[in-house]
Protein backbone atom coordinates (compact mmCIF):
# COMPACT_ATOMS: atom_id res chain seq x y z
CA ASN A 1 0.00 0.00 0.00
CA LYS A 2 1.44 3.33 -1.06
CA GLU A 3 2.15 6.22 1.27
CA LYS A 4 -0.74 8.67 1.32
CA GLY A 5 1.25 11.60 2.67
CA SER A 6 -0.20 15.07 2.84
CA LEU A 7 -3.45 14.14 1.12
CA ARG A 8 -4.21 11.50 3.72
CA SER A 9 -3.46 14.02 6.48
CA GLU A 10 -5.61 16.71 4.89
CA LEU A 11 -8.59 14.41 4.45
CA LYS A 12 -7.96 12.64 7.78
CA LEU A 13 -8.02 9.24 6.15
CA LYS A 14 -7.19 6.42 8.54
CA SER A 15 -7.99 3.46 6.32
CA LYS A 16 -5.46 1.23 4.59
CA TYR A 17 -7.02 1.59 1.14
CA VAL A 18 -8.52 4.46 -0.87
CA VAL A 19 -11.04 3.87 -3.66
CA SER A 20 -11.98 6.92 -5.72
CA MET A 21 -14.57 7.87 -8.30
CA ILE A 22 -13.79 11.07 -10.17
CA ALA A 23 -16.76 12.24 -12.19
CA ARG A 24 -19.34 14.98 -12.41
CA PHE A 25 -22.30 14.71 -10.04
CA ASP A 26 -25.10 14.53 -12.59
CA ASP A 27 -27.54 11.94 -13.91
CA ASP A 28 -25.06 10.66 -16.48
CA LYS A 29 -22.70 9.40 -13.78
CA ASP A 30 -23.93 6.71 -11.41
CA TYR A 31 -22.73 7.73 -7.95
CA GLU A 32 -25.69 5.85 -6.48
CA THR A 33 -24.18 2.50 -7.45
CA PHE A 34 -20.71 3.52 -6.25
CA ILE A 35 -22.01 4.61 -2.85
CA GLU A 36 -24.21 1.54 -2.45
CA ALA A 37 -21.23 -0.70 -3.24
CA ALA A 38 -19.19 1.19 -0.62
CA LYS A 39 -21.92 0.60 1.96
CA ILE A 40 -21.97 -3.13 1.17
CA ILE A 41 -18.22 -3.32 1.66
CA LEU A 42 -18.20 -1.27 4.87
CA ILE A 43 -20.59 -3.74 6.48
CA LYS A 44 -17.86 -6.36 6.11
CA ARG A 45 -14.70 -4.33 6.78
CA ASP A 46 -13.50 -0.88 7.77
CA ASP A 47 -10.08 -0.58 6.11
CA ILE A 48 -11.26 1.22 2.95
CA SER A 49 -12.19 4.87 2.34
CA PHE A 50 -14.31 5.90 -0.64
CA LEU A 51 -13.81 9.30 -2.25
CA CYS A 52 -16.34 10.95 -4.56
CA VAL A 53 -14.63 13.75 -6.48
CA GLY A 54 -16.39 16.24 -8.74
CA ASP A 55 -18.94 19.01 -8.93
CA GLY A 56 -22.44 19.08 -10.35
CA PRO A 57 -26.15 19.50 -9.62
CA ASN A 58 -26.42 16.27 -7.59
CA LEU A 59 -23.50 16.94 -5.26
CA GLU A 60 -25.48 18.27 -2.30
CA TYR A 61 -28.04 15.47 -2.60
CA PHE A 62 -25.34 12.83 -2.17
CA ARG A 63 -23.54 14.78 0.54
CA ASN A 64 -26.76 14.88 2.56
CA LYS A 65 -27.45 11.22 1.86
CA ILE A 66 -23.99 10.20 3.10
CA PHE A 67 -24.25 12.46 6.16
CA LYS A 68 -27.69 11.14 7.18
CA GLU A 69 -26.47 7.55 6.96
CA GLY A 70 -23.42 8.38 9.08
CA LYS A 71 -20.92 6.90 6.66
CA GLU A 72 -17.69 8.63 7.64
CA GLN A 73 -15.59 6.52 5.28
CA ILE A 74 -17.56 7.72 2.25
CA ARG A 75 -16.59 11.28 1.38
CA ALA A 76 -18.15 13.57 -1.26
CA LEU A 77 -15.28 16.01 -1.74
CA GLY A 78 -16.80 18.10 -4.50
CA PHE A 79 -14.60 20.00 -6.93
CA ARG A 80 -10.85 19.56 -6.43
CA ARG A 81 -7.91 21.11 -8.25
CA ASP A 82 -5.57 18.29 -7.21
CA VAL A 83 -7.30 15.48 -9.10
CA GLU A 84 -4.01 13.96 -10.24
CA ASN A 85 -2.81 13.85 -6.65
CA ILE A 86 -6.00 12.09 -5.59
CA ILE A 87 -5.63 9.53 -8.37
CA ASP A 88 -1.97 8.96 -7.54
CA ASN A 89 -2.89 8.33 -3.89
CA SER A 90 -5.77 5.98 -4.67
CA ASP A 91 -5.58 2.21 -4.83
CA LEU A 92 -8.50 1.80 -7.24
CA SER A 93 -10.34 4.10 -9.61
CA ILE A 94 -14.04 3.59 -10.30
CA LEU A 95 -16.27 5.02 -13.02
CA CYS A 96 -19.94 4.12 -12.80
CA THR A 97 -22.13 5.53 -15.55
CA ASN A 98 -25.82 5.30 -16.35
CA PRO A 99 -26.25 3.92 -19.90
CA ASN A 100 -29.95 4.81 -19.77
CA LYS A 101 -28.96 8.47 -19.64
CA HIS A 102 -25.56 8.65 -21.26
CA LYS A 103 -23.05 6.86 -23.48
CA GLU A 104 -19.60 7.37 -22.01
CA GLY A 105 -16.86 8.46 -24.41
CA ILE A 106 -13.14 8.10 -23.83
CA SER A 107 -12.95 9.10 -20.18
CA ASN A 108 -10.10 11.34 -19.05
CA SER A 109 -10.36 10.06 -15.49
CA ILE A 110 -9.92 6.48 -16.69
CA LEU A 111 -6.89 7.34 -18.83
CA GLU A 112 -5.29 9.39 -16.06
CA SER A 113 -5.84 6.58 -13.57
CA LEU A 114 -4.25 4.02 -15.87
CA ALA A 115 -1.32 6.35 -16.51
CA PHE A 116 -0.62 6.32 -12.77
CA GLY A 117 -0.80 2.53 -12.71
CA ILE A 118 -4.18 2.51 -10.95
CA PRO A 119 -6.48 -0.34 -12.09
CA VAL A 120 -9.97 0.79 -13.08
CA ILE A 121 -13.36 -0.81 -12.49
CA ALA A 122 -15.97 0.75 -14.76
CA THR A 123 -19.40 0.28 -16.27
CA ASN A 124 -19.39 -1.94 -19.34
CA ASP A 125 -20.73 0.61 -21.80
CA GLY A 126 -19.76 3.20 -24.38
CA GLY A 127 -16.17 4.13 -25.09
CA THR A 128 -15.02 2.58 -21.80
CA VAL A 129 -14.86 -0.84 -23.48
CA GLU A 130 -12.18 0.57 -25.79
CA ILE A 131 -9.93 1.28 -22.78
CA ILE A 132 -10.66 -1.26 -20.04
CA GLU A 133 -10.15 -4.97 -20.60
CA SER A 134 -11.43 -7.19 -17.82
CA ASN A 135 -8.72 -9.14 -16.00
CA TYR A 136 -6.03 -7.11 -17.80
CA ASN A 137 -6.07 -3.49 -16.57
CA GLY A 138 -9.22 -3.59 -14.47
CA PHE A 139 -12.77 -4.87 -14.69
CA LEU A 140 -15.84 -4.03 -16.74
CA VAL A 141 -19.00 -4.49 -14.68
CA GLU A 142 -22.72 -4.57 -15.31
CA ALA A 143 -24.43 -1.19 -15.11
CA LEU A 144 -26.40 -0.22 -12.00
CA ASN A 145 -25.26 -3.30 -10.06
CA SER A 146 -23.70 -2.35 -6.73
CA GLU A 147 -23.27 -5.95 -5.53
CA ILE A 148 -21.06 -6.93 -8.48
CA LEU A 149 -19.09 -3.71 -8.12
CA ALA A 150 -18.48 -4.43 -4.44
CA ILE A 151 -17.29 -7.96 -5.25
CA LYS A 152 -14.83 -6.73 -7.88
CA ILE A 153 -13.44 -4.03 -5.59
CA LEU A 154 -12.74 -6.57 -2.86
CA ASP A 155 -11.38 -9.17 -5.29
CA LEU A 156 -8.82 -6.73 -6.65
CA LEU A 157 -7.75 -5.26 -3.33
CA ASP A 158 -7.32 -8.71 -1.77
CA ASP A 159 -5.40 -10.28 -4.65
CA LYS A 160 -1.95 -8.67 -4.51
CA GLU A 161 -0.51 -10.54 -7.48
CA GLN A 162 -3.44 -9.69 -9.70
CA TYR A 163 -3.28 -6.08 -8.57
CA LYS A 164 0.43 -5.81 -9.48
CA LYS A 165 -0.18 -7.28 -12.93
CA MET A 166 -3.11 -4.97 -13.60
CA SER A 167 -1.12 -1.97 -12.40
CA LYS A 168 1.66 -2.72 -14.90
CA ASN A 169 -0.87 -3.37 -17.65
CA ALA A 170 -2.63 -0.09 -16.86
CA ILE A 171 0.53 1.88 -17.63
CA LYS A 172 1.16 -0.29 -20.69
CA THR A 173 -2.34 0.42 -22.02
CA VAL A 174 -1.80 4.17 -22.01
CA SER A 175 1.73 4.06 -23.41
CA GLU A 176 0.82 1.67 -26.24
CA LYS A 177 -2.67 2.86 -27.18
CA PHE A 178 -3.31 6.34 -25.84
CA SER A 179 -0.01 8.21 -25.79
CA LEU A 180 0.06 11.45 -27.81
CA PRO A 181 2.27 10.02 -30.61
CA LYS A 182 0.11 6.90 -30.84
CA MET A 183 -3.15 8.84 -30.98
CA THR A 184 -1.67 11.24 -33.54
CA ASN A 185 -0.60 8.34 -35.74
CA ASN A 186 -4.06 6.76 -35.41
CA PHE A 187 -5.68 10.04 -36.43
CA VAL A 188 -3.39 10.41 -39.45
CA GLU A 189 -4.07 6.81 -40.50
CA LEU A 190 -7.82 7.35 -40.16
CA TYR A 191 -7.64 10.60 -42.14
CA ASN A 192 -5.61 8.95 -44.90
CA SER A 193 -7.97 5.98 -45.14
CA ILE A 194 -11.00 8.28 -45.40
CA LEU A 195 -9.27 10.40 -48.03
CA LEU A 196 -8.24 7.31 -50.01
CA ASN A 197 -11.81 5.98 -49.98
CA ARG A 198 -13.15 9.33 -51.14
CA ILE A 199 -10.63 9.41 -53.99
CA LYS A 200 -11.62 5.88 -55.07
CA TRP A 201 -15.32 6.80 -55.06
CA ALA A 202 -14.61 10.04 -56.92
CA GLN A 203 -12.66 8.12 -59.56
CA LEU A 204 -15.57 5.72 -60.01
CA ILE A 205 -17.94 8.66 -60.44
CA ASP A 206 -15.54 10.28 -62.91
CA GLU A 207 -15.31 7.06 -64.93
CA LYS A 208 -19.09 6.75 -65.04
CA TYR A 209 -20.01 10.35 -65.80
CA GLN A 210 -16.78 11.48 -67.52
CA ASN A 211 -17.16 14.80 -65.80
CA LYS A 212 -14.43 16.42 -63.69
CA TYR A 213 -17.04 18.64 -62.05
CA TYR A 214 -18.57 15.67 -60.22
CA PHE A 215 -15.11 14.36 -59.35
CA ASN A 216 -14.03 17.63 -57.75
CA LEU A 217 -17.42 18.18 -56.11
CA PHE A 218 -17.29 14.75 -54.42
CA LEU A 219 -13.79 15.35 -53.10
CA TYR A 220 -14.78 18.76 -51.75
CA PHE A 221 -17.71 17.45 -49.75
C-alpha cells in the first residue's frame, strides 16, 4: 500500500485503502451504485475509504445522503484542483455511468488513472470498453449493479498478485494505445484511409459520368 502523505493528512483518512470515483455529479454518472457498493463493503470491513470527487447538480443530494447515513468513510469532496494527486494516492479508480442516460466516451479520469498505474473498475458501456479490458487493466461491470461492483473491488484489493499485474498493464495500455504520438498516428491513419476511400469513389464517379465537375465536387464534400 502506497504512502498517502499530505493528502491522507488533509482528508484525515485512517484506512489502509482508498477507492476513488472522479466524475461529475449529474444523472449521467452513477454515484448511487458507487455509494451503495461502498456501503456493502463497509458492512464487512473498515479498512477502505471511498472518495467521490467532482462538482455538479447532484453533489449536495449525495452529501446529505452520506451524512444522514453516518458513513464517515464515504466522502463527497466536490470539486478539487488536485485530481491527479488524488488519483496517484488511490488504490483503485471507479467510473460508474448510467447507460440509460448517457453513453460514455473516452474518459479522461480512466486514462489518467491508468497512466498512474491505478487499475480501473468501470461500467461496461460506451467508449469505456475501448480502454478497459477485464482481467487485464481492471474490470468491466454490469451497469447499475452495486453488488457486483463491491465484489470486484474486494477481489482486486485482496489479490496482490493480480493487482500488481493490472497496475503494470494499466501503464502499458496508455503508453501503447493512448499516448500522444500513438493517438496522432491513429488520427493520421484514419484521415488517410478516409481520403483514399473518397478518392476511389470520386474516380468511379468520374469514370461513369466522364465529368471532372462531379469528381471535384465529391472530393470537396
